[in-house]
Amino acid sequence: MEPKMKVKLTKEPDNEFDKEAIKVEMDGLGLVGYVANSPYTVKGESMSAGRLYDKIGDSAEGIILYVTEHGIICYVNEEE
């Protein structure tokens, strides 16, 4: 993963571990992870899945801005 790559963010309300889960998928790879939803895993002032959940429809497009050792920061295009 690198900056400017696109990911698809999709709500997963039937997730047995987190009712506000948002899965992250990439073309050709499928599921690559989930949006962090814990104060211990959210980076800086970015949004957790819980804060983002009601701001997007069923899905949205993310564009990778930064790749760090511990995670990836995306810009979320809410119009998908």
PDB file of N, CA and C in Angstrom:
ATOM      1  N   MET A   1       0.844  -1.179   0.000  1.00  0.00           N
ATOM      2  CA  MET A   1       0.000   0.000   0.000  1.00  0.00           C
ATOM      3  C   MET A   1       0.885   1.237   0.000  1.00  0.00           C
ATOM      4  N   GLU A   2       0.423   2.224  -0.730  1.00  0.00           N
ATOM      5  CA  GLU A   2       1.191   3.465  -0.803  1.00  0.00           C
ATOM      6  C   GLU A   2       0.246   4.636  -1.057  1.00  0.00           C
ATOM      7  N   PRO A   3       0.725   5.871  -0.797  1.00  0.00           N
ATOM      8  CA  PRO A   3      -0.115   7.045  -0.989  1.00  0.00           C
ATOM      9  C   PRO A   3      -0.729   7.090  -2.390  1.00  0.00           C
ATOM     10  N   LYS A   4      -1.932   7.610  -2.431  1.00  0.00           N
ATOM     11  CA  LYS A   4      -2.757   7.810  -3.628  1.00  0.00           C
ATOM     12  C   LYS A   4      -3.509   6.557  -4.074  1.00  0.00           C
ATOM     13  N   MET A   5      -3.235   5.407  -3.476  1.00  0.00           N
ATOM     14  CA  MET A   5      -3.998   4.202  -3.810  1.00  0.00           C
ATOM     15  C   MET A   5      -5.397   4.337  -3.217  1.00  0.00           C
ATOM     16  N   LYS A   6      -6.384   3.709  -3.871  1.00  0.00           N
ATOM     17  CA  LYS A   6      -7.763   3.764  -3.413  1.00  0.00           C
ATOM     18  C   LYS A   6      -8.138   2.488  -2.671  1.00  0.00           C
ATOM     19  N   VAL A   7      -8.988   2.653  -1.671  1.00  0.00           N
ATOM     20  CA  VAL A   7      -9.551   1.525  -0.938  1.00  0.00           C
ATOM     21  C   VAL A   7     -11.055   1.734  -0.854  1.00  0.00           C
ATOM     22  N   LYS A   8     -11.786   0.662  -0.684  1.00  0.00           N
ATOM     23  CA  LYS A   8     -13.236   0.742  -0.504  1.00  0.00           C
ATOM     24  C   LYS A   8     -13.536   0.473   0.961  1.00  0.00           C
ATOM     25  N   LEU A   9     -14.303   1.354   1.564  1.00  0.00           N
ATOM     26  CA  LEU A   9     -14.721   1.220   2.955  1.00  0.00           C
ATOM     27  C   LEU A   9     -16.188   0.808   2.959  1.00  0.00           C
ATOM     28  N   THR A  10     -16.488  -0.311   3.609  1.00  0.00           N
ATOM     29  CA  THR A  10     -17.848  -0.834   3.612  1.00  0.00           C
ATOM     30  C   THR A  10     -18.279  -1.164   5.033  1.00  0.00           C
ATOM     31  N   LYS A  11     -19.440  -0.643   5.419  1.00  0.00           N
ATOM     32  CA  LYS A  11     -19.981  -0.971   6.736  1.00  0.00           C
ATOM     33  C   LYS A  11     -20.257  -2.470   6.810  1.00  0.00           C
ATOM     34  N   GLU A  12     -20.040  -3.027   7.981  1.00  0.00           N
ATOM     35  CA  GLU A  12     -20.279  -4.452   8.197  1.00  0.00           C
ATOM     36  C   GLU A  12     -21.105  -4.613   9.481  1.00  0.00           C
ATOM     37  N   PRO A  13     -22.400  -4.239   9.437  1.00  0.00           N
ATOM     38  CA  PRO A  13     -23.225  -4.237  10.646  1.00  0.00           C
ATOM     39  C   PRO A  13     -23.443  -5.618  11.267  1.00  0.00           C
ATOM     40  N   ASP A  14     -23.214  -6.681  10.513  1.00  0.00           N
ATOM     41  CA  ASP A  14     -23.386  -8.033  11.047  1.00  0.00           C
ATOM     42  C   ASP A  14     -22.102  -8.589  11.652  1.00  0.00           C
ATOM     43  N   ASN A  15     -21.064  -7.762  11.769  1.00  0.00           N
ATOM     44  CA  ASN A  15     -19.802  -8.209  12.360  1.00  0.00           C
ATOM     45  C   ASN A  15     -20.049  -8.593  13.814  1.00  0.00           C
ATOM     46  N   GLU A  16     -19.680  -9.813  14.195  1.00  0.00           N
ATOM     47  CA  GLU A  16     -19.977 -10.303  15.544  1.00  0.00           C
ATOM     48  C   GLU A  16     -19.141  -9.636  16.633  1.00  0.00           C
ATOM     49  N   PHE A  17     -18.054  -8.972  16.268  1.00  0.00           N
ATOM     50  CA  PHE A  17     -17.169  -8.361  17.254  1.00  0.00           C
ATOM     51  C   PHE A  17     -17.392  -6.862  17.415  1.00  0.00           C
ATOM     52  N   ASP A  18     -17.925  -6.201  16.388  1.00  0.00           N
ATOM     53  CA  ASP A  18     -18.063  -4.744  16.407  1.00  0.00           C
ATOM     54  C   ASP A  18     -19.219  -4.332  15.502  1.00  0.00           C
ATOM     55  N   LYS A  19     -20.289  -3.829  16.068  1.00  0.00           N
ATOM     56  CA  LYS A  19     -21.470  -3.432  15.288  1.00  0.00           C
ATOM     57  C   LYS A  19     -21.230  -2.177  14.450  1.00  0.00           C
ATOM     58  N   GLU A  20     -20.111  -1.491  14.677  1.00  0.00           N
ATOM     59  CA  GLU A  20     -19.749  -0.322  13.866  1.00  0.00           C
ATOM     60  C   GLU A  20     -18.528  -0.617  12.999  1.00  0.00           C
ATOM     61  N   ALA A  21     -18.321  -1.895  12.684  1.00  0.00           N
ATOM     62  CA  ALA A  21     -17.153  -2.291  11.889  1.00  0.00           C
ATOM     63  C   ALA A  21     -17.238  -1.734  10.470  1.00  0.00           C
ATOM     64  N   ILE A  22     -16.099  -1.274   9.981  1.00  0.00           N
ATOM     65  CA  ILE A  22     -15.977  -0.822   8.602  1.00  0.00           C
ATOM     66  C   ILE A  22     -14.795  -1.565   7.993  1.00  0.00           C
ATOM     67  N   LYS A  23     -15.089  -2.443   7.032  1.00  0.00           N
ATOM     68  CA  LYS A  23     -14.016  -3.209   6.418  1.00  0.00           C
ATOM     69  C   LYS A  23     -13.349  -2.402   5.306  1.00  0.00           C
ATOM     70  N   VAL A  24     -12.089  -2.712   5.067  1.00  0.00           N
ATOM     71  CA  VAL A  24     -11.295  -2.027   4.048  1.00  0.00           C
ATOM     72  C   VAL A  24     -10.904  -3.057   2.998  1.00  0.00           C
ATOM     73  N   GLU A  25     -11.238  -2.753   1.735  1.00  0.00           N
ATOM     74  CA  GLU A  25     -10.945  -3.673   0.635  1.00  0.00           C
ATOM     75  C   GLU A  25     -10.176  -2.939  -0.458  1.00  0.00           C
ATOM     76  N   MET A  26      -9.376  -3.706  -1.188  1.00  0.00           N
ATOM     77  CA  MET A  26      -8.654  -3.171  -2.343  1.00  0.00           C
ATOM     78  C   MET A  26      -8.952  -4.047  -3.546  1.00  0.00           C
ATOM     79  N   ASP A  27      -9.067  -3.413  -4.714  1.00  0.00           N
ATOM     80  CA  ASP A  27      -9.273  -4.161  -5.952  1.00  0.00           C
ATOM     81  C   ASP A  27      -8.161  -5.188  -6.115  1.00  0.00           C
ATOM     82  N   GLY A  28      -8.545  -6.392  -6.473  1.00  0.00           N
ATOM     83  CA  GLY A  28      -7.578  -7.453  -6.711  1.00  0.00           C
ATOM     84  C   GLY A  28      -7.117  -8.180  -5.461  1.00  0.00           C
ATOM     85  N   LEU A  29      -7.338  -7.593  -4.286  1.00  0.00           N
ATOM     86  CA  LEU A  29      -6.922  -8.222  -3.031  1.00  0.00           C
ATOM     87  C   LEU A  29      -8.095  -8.594  -2.138  1.00  0.00           C
ATOM     88  N   GLY A  30      -9.186  -7.847  -2.240  1.00  0.00           N
ATOM     89  CA  GLY A  30     -10.312  -8.071  -1.341  1.00  0.00           C
ATOM     90  C   GLY A  30     -10.050  -7.447   0.013  1.00  0.00           C
ATOM     91  N   LEU A  31     -10.495  -8.113   1.080  1.00  0.00           N
ATOM     92  CA  LEU A  31     -10.376  -7.592   2.438  1.00  0.00           C
ATOM     93  C   LEU A  31      -8.907  -7.463   2.846  1.00  0.00           C
ATOM     94  N   VAL A  32      -8.538  -6.244   3.259  1.00  0.00           N
ATOM     95  CA  VAL A  32      -7.157  -6.016   3.725  1.00  0.00           C
ATOM     96  C   VAL A  32      -7.118  -5.567   5.180  1.00  0.00           C
ATOM     97  N   GLY A  33      -8.290  -5.318   5.783  1.00  0.00           N
ATOM     98  CA  GLY A  33      -8.319  -4.927   7.187  1.00  0.00           C
ATOM     99  C   GLY A  33      -9.599  -4.201   7.540  1.00  0.00           C
ATOM    100  N   TYR A  34      -9.560  -3.534   8.705  1.00  0.00           N
ATOM    101  CA  TYR A  34     -10.706  -2.795   9.217  1.00  0.00           C
ATOM    102  C   TYR A  34     -10.256  -1.425   9.702  1.00  0.00           C
ATOM    103  N   VAL A  35     -11.182  -0.461   9.669  1.00  0.00           N
ATOM    104  CA  VAL A  35     -10.909   0.860  10.228  1.00  0.00           C
ATOM    105  C   VAL A  35     -10.797   0.691  11.746  1.00  0.00           C
ATOM    106  N   ALA A  36      -9.762   1.252  12.330  1.00  0.00           N
ATOM    107  CA  ALA A  36      -9.544   1.157  13.776  1.00  0.00           C
ATOM    108  C   ALA A  36     -10.758   1.700  14.527  1.00  0.00           C
ATOM    109  N   ASN A  37     -11.119   1.031  15.620  1.00  0.00           N
ATOM    110  CA  ASN A  37     -12.275   1.490  16.390  1.00  0.00           C
ATOM    111  C   ASN A  37     -11.994   1.443  17.884  1.00  0.00           C
ATOM    112  N   SER A  38     -10.778   1.768  18.252  1.00  0.00           N
ATOM    113  CA  SER A  38     -10.383   1.783  19.648  1.00  0.00           C
ATOM    114  C   SER A  38      -9.473   2.982  19.880  1.00  0.00           C
ATOM    115  N   PRO A  39      -9.597   3.641  21.028  1.00  0.00           N
ATOM    116  CA  PRO A  39      -8.699   4.775  21.294  1.00  0.00           C
ATOM    117  C   PRO A  39      -7.234   4.342  21.337  1.00  0.00           C
ATOM    118  N   TYR A  40      -6.976   3.069  21.485  1.00  0.00           N
ATOM    119  CA  TYR A  40      -5.604   2.567  21.540  1.00  0.00           C
ATOM    120  C   TYR A  40      -5.016   2.297  20.156  1.00  0.00           C
ATOM    121  N   THR A  41      -5.876   2.247  19.132  1.00  0.00           N
ATOM    122  CA  THR A  41      -5.378   1.955  17.786  1.00  0.00           C
ATOM    123  C   THR A  41      -5.591   3.090  16.787  1.00  0.00           C
ATOM    124  N   VAL A  42      -6.409   4.087  17.129  1.00  0.00           N
ATOM    125  CA  VAL A  42      -6.623   5.228  16.248  1.00  0.00           C
ATOM    126  C   VAL A  42      -5.401   6.134  16.313  1.00  0.00           C
ATOM    127  N   LYS A  43      -4.927   6.571  15.164  1.00  0.00           N
ATOM    128  CA  LYS A  43      -3.723   7.398  15.090  1.00  0.00           C
ATOM    129  C   LYS A  43      -4.059   8.885  15.146  1.00  0.00           C
ATOM    130  N   GLY A  44      -3.398   9.600  16.045  1.00  0.00           N
ATOM    131  CA  GLY A  44      -3.543  11.050  16.136  1.00  0.00           C
ATOM    132  C   GLY A  44      -4.987  11.492  16.239  1.00  0.00           C
ATOM    133  N   GLU A  45      -5.360  12.452  15.415  1.00  0.00           N
ATOM    134  CA  GLU A  45      -6.715  12.985  15.437  1.00  0.00           C
ATOM    135  C   GLU A  45      -7.607  12.374  14.363  1.00  0.00           C
ATOM    136  N   SER A  46      -7.202  11.239  13.813  1.00  0.00           N
ATOM    137  CA  SER A  46      -8.031  10.592  12.804  1.00  0.00           C
ATOM    138  C   SER A  46      -9.294  10.026  13.453  1.00  0.00           C
ATOM    139  N   MET A  47     -10.277   9.682  12.645  1.00  0.00           N
ATOM    140  CA  MET A  47     -11.555   9.186  13.153  1.00  0.00           C
ATOM    141  C   MET A  47     -11.532   7.676  13.333  1.00  0.00           C
ATOM    142  N   SER A  48     -12.160   7.236  14.398  1.00  0.00           N
ATOM    143  CA  SER A  48     -12.372   5.806  14.603  1.00  0.00           C
ATOM    144  C   SER A  48     -13.540   5.365  13.738  1.00  0.00           C
ATOM    145  N   ALA A  49     -13.728   4.062  13.606  1.00  0.00           N
ATOM    146  CA  ALA A  49     -14.866   3.542  12.848  1.00  0.00           C
ATOM    147  C   ALA A  49     -16.174   4.044  13.452  1.00  0.00           C
ATOM    148  N   GLY A  50     -16.251   4.109  14.775  1.00  0.00           N
ATOM    149  CA  GLY A  50     -17.465   4.579  15.440  1.00  0.00           C
ATOM    150  C   GLY A  50     -17.804   6.018  15.089  1.00  0.00           C
ATOM    151  N   ARG A  51     -16.805   6.879  14.976  1.00  0.00           N
ATOM    152  CA  ARG A  51     -17.040   8.285  14.621  1.00  0.00           C
ATOM    153  C   ARG A  51     -17.351   8.431  13.134  1.00  0.00           C
ATOM    154  N   LEU A  52     -16.780   7.565  12.309  1.00  0.00           N
ATOM    155  CA  LEU A  52     -16.957   7.628  10.864  1.00  0.00           C
ATOM    156  C   LEU A  52     -18.255   6.964  10.401  1.00  0.00           C
ATOM    157  N   TYR A  53     -18.727   5.981  11.150  1.00  0.00           N
ATOM    158  CA  TYR A  53     -19.833   5.118  10.755  1.00  0.00           C
ATOM    159  C   TYR A  53     -21.066   5.886  10.276  1.00  0.00           C
ATOM    160  N   ASP A  54     -21.490   6.889  11.015  1.00  0.00           N
ATOM    161  CA  ASP A  54     -22.699   7.632  10.652  1.00  0.00           C
ATOM    162  C   ASP A  54     -22.444   8.750   9.645  1.00  0.00           C
ATOM    163  N   LYS A  55     -21.214   8.963   9.268  1.00  0.00           N
ATOM    164  CA  LYS A  55     -20.865  10.027   8.321  1.00  0.00           C
ATOM    165  C   LYS A  55     -20.805   9.536   6.875  1.00  0.00           C
ATOM    166  N   ILE A  56     -20.849   8.210   6.689  1.00  0.00           N
ATOM    167  CA  ILE A  56     -20.812   7.650   5.344  1.00  0.00           C
ATOM    168  C   ILE A  56     -22.079   6.833   5.102  1.00  0.00           C
ATOM    169  N   GLY A  57     -22.364   6.559   3.843  1.00  0.00           N
ATOM    170  CA  GLY A  57     -23.475   5.672   3.514  1.00  0.00           C
ATOM    171  C   GLY A  57     -23.046   4.235   3.794  1.00  0.00           C
ATOM    172  N   ASP A  58     -23.552   3.295   3.028  1.00  0.00           N
ATOM    173  CA  ASP A  58     -23.162   1.895   3.215  1.00  0.00           C
ATOM    174  C   ASP A  58     -21.702   1.662   2.865  1.00  0.00           C
ATOM    175  N   SER A  59     -21.162   2.523   1.976  1.00  0.00           N
ATOM    176  CA  SER A  59     -19.749   2.397   1.609  1.00  0.00           C
ATOM    177  C   SER A  59     -19.215   3.771   1.208  1.00  0.00           C
ATOM    178  N   ALA A  60     -17.904   3.856   1.143  1.00  0.00           N
ATOM    179  CA  ALA A  60     -17.238   5.096   0.745  1.00  0.00           C
ATOM    180  C   ALA A  60     -15.886   4.730   0.163  1.00  0.00           C
ATOM    181  N   GLU A  61     -15.290   5.681  -0.520  1.00  0.00           N
ATOM    182  CA  GLU A  61     -13.952   5.487  -1.070  1.00  0.00           C
ATOM    183  C   GLU A  61     -12.936   6.168  -0.158  1.00  0.00           C
ATOM    184  N   GLY A  62     -11.835   5.490   0.089  1.00  0.00           N
ATOM    185  CA  GLY A  62     -10.738   6.083   0.837  1.00  0.00           C
ATOM    186  C   GLY A  62      -9.534   6.210  -0.077  1.00  0.00           C
ATOM    187  N   ILE A  63      -8.788   7.270   0.089  1.00  0.00           N
ATOM    188  CA  ILE A  63      -7.552   7.457  -0.667  1.00  0.00           C
ATOM    189  C   ILE A  63      -6.418   7.522   0.345  1.00  0.00           C
ATOM    190  N   ILE A  64      -5.458   6.637   0.201  1.00  0.00           N
ATOM    191  CA  ILE A  64      -4.359   6.550   1.160  1.00  0.00           C
ATOM    192  C   ILE A  64      -3.520   7.825   1.101  1.00  0.00           C
ATOM    193  N   LEU A  65      -3.333   8.430   2.279  1.00  0.00           N
ATOM    194  CA  LEU A  65      -2.492   9.617   2.392  1.00  0.00           C
ATOM    195  C   LEU A  65      -1.114   9.271   2.936  1.00  0.00           C
ATOM    196  N   TYR A  66      -1.091   8.476   4.008  1.00  0.00           N
ATOM    197  CA  TYR A  66       0.167   8.134   4.689  1.00  0.00           C
ATOM    198  C   TYR A  66       0.188   6.659   5.046  1.00  0.00           C
ATOM    199  N   VAL A  67       1.353   6.062   4.930  1.00  0.00           N
ATOM    200  CA  VAL A  67       1.567   4.691   5.375  1.00  0.00           C
ATOM    201  C   VAL A  67       2.604   4.768   6.484  1.00  0.00           C
ATOM    202  N   THR A  68       2.226   4.325   7.685  1.00  0.00           N
ATOM    203  CA  THR A  68       3.143   4.354   8.818  1.00  0.00           C
ATOM    204  C   THR A  68       3.487   2.928   9.227  1.00  0.00           C
ATOM    205  N   GLU A  69       4.363   2.814  10.165  1.00  0.00           N
ATOM    206  CA  GLU A  69       4.755   1.495  10.667  1.00  0.00           C
ATOM    207  C   GLU A  69       3.580   0.765  11.323  1.00  0.00           C
ATOM    208  N   HIS A  70       2.642   1.534  11.884  1.00  0.00           N
ATOM    209  CA  HIS A  70       1.545   0.941  12.648  1.00  0.00           C
ATOM    210  C   HIS A  70       0.166   1.087  12.031  1.00  0.00           C
ATOM    211  N   GLY A  71       0.082   1.681  10.856  1.00  0.00           N
ATOM    212  CA  GLY A  71      -1.237   1.826  10.256  1.00  0.00           C
ATOM    213  C   GLY A  71      -1.212   2.710   9.025  1.00  0.00           C
ATOM    214  N   ILE A  72      -2.376   2.923   8.485  1.00  0.00           N
ATOM    215  CA  ILE A  72      -2.529   3.709   7.269  1.00  0.00           C
ATOM    216  C   ILE A  72      -3.582   4.785   7.521  1.00  0.00           C
ATOM    217  N   ILE A  73      -3.311   5.993   7.049  1.00  0.00           N
ATOM    218  CA  ILE A  73      -4.231   7.113   7.189  1.00  0.00           C
ATOM    219  C   ILE A  73      -4.804   7.406   5.809  1.00  0.00           C
ATOM    220  N   CYS A  74      -6.137   7.484   5.732  1.00  0.00           N
ATOM    221  CA  CYS A  74      -6.819   7.742   4.459  1.00  0.00           C
ATOM    222  C   CYS A  74      -7.668   8.996   4.531  1.00  0.00           C
ATOM    223  N   TYR A  75      -7.831   9.608   3.385  1.00  0.00           N
ATOM    224  CA  TYR A  75      -8.842  10.639   3.201  1.00  0.00           C
ATOM    225  C   TYR A  75     -10.096   9.893   2.785  1.00  0.00           C
ATOM    226  N   VAL A  76     -11.239  10.226   3.363  1.00  0.00           N
ATOM    227  CA  VAL A  76     -12.483   9.537   3.031  1.00  0.00           C
ATOM    228  C   VAL A  76     -13.346  10.421   2.150  1.00  0.00           C
ATOM    229  N   ASN A  77     -13.638   9.905   0.962  1.00  0.00           N
ATOM    230  CA  ASN A  77     -14.547  10.565   0.039  1.00  0.00           C
ATOM    231  C   ASN A  77     -15.942  10.039   0.383  1.00  0.00           C
ATOM    232  N   GLU A  78     -16.735  10.850   1.029  1.00  0.00           N
ATOM    233  CA  GLU A  78     -18.030  10.403   1.548  1.00  0.00           C
ATOM    234  C   GLU A  78     -19.087  10.248   0.464  1.00  0.00           C
ATOM    235  N   GLU A  79     -18.813  10.622  -0.755  1.00  0.00           N
ATOM    236  CA  GLU A  79     -19.809  10.537  -1.833  1.00  0.00           C
ATOM    237  C   GLU A  79     -19.616   9.299  -2.676  1.00  0.00           C
ATOM    238  N   GLU A  80     -19.942   8.151  -2.161  1.00  0.00           N
ATOM    239  CA  GLU A  80     -19.868   6.927  -2.973  1.00  0.00           C
ATOM    240  C   GLU A  80     -21.211   6.255  -2.953  1.00  0.00           C
TER     241      GLU A  80
END
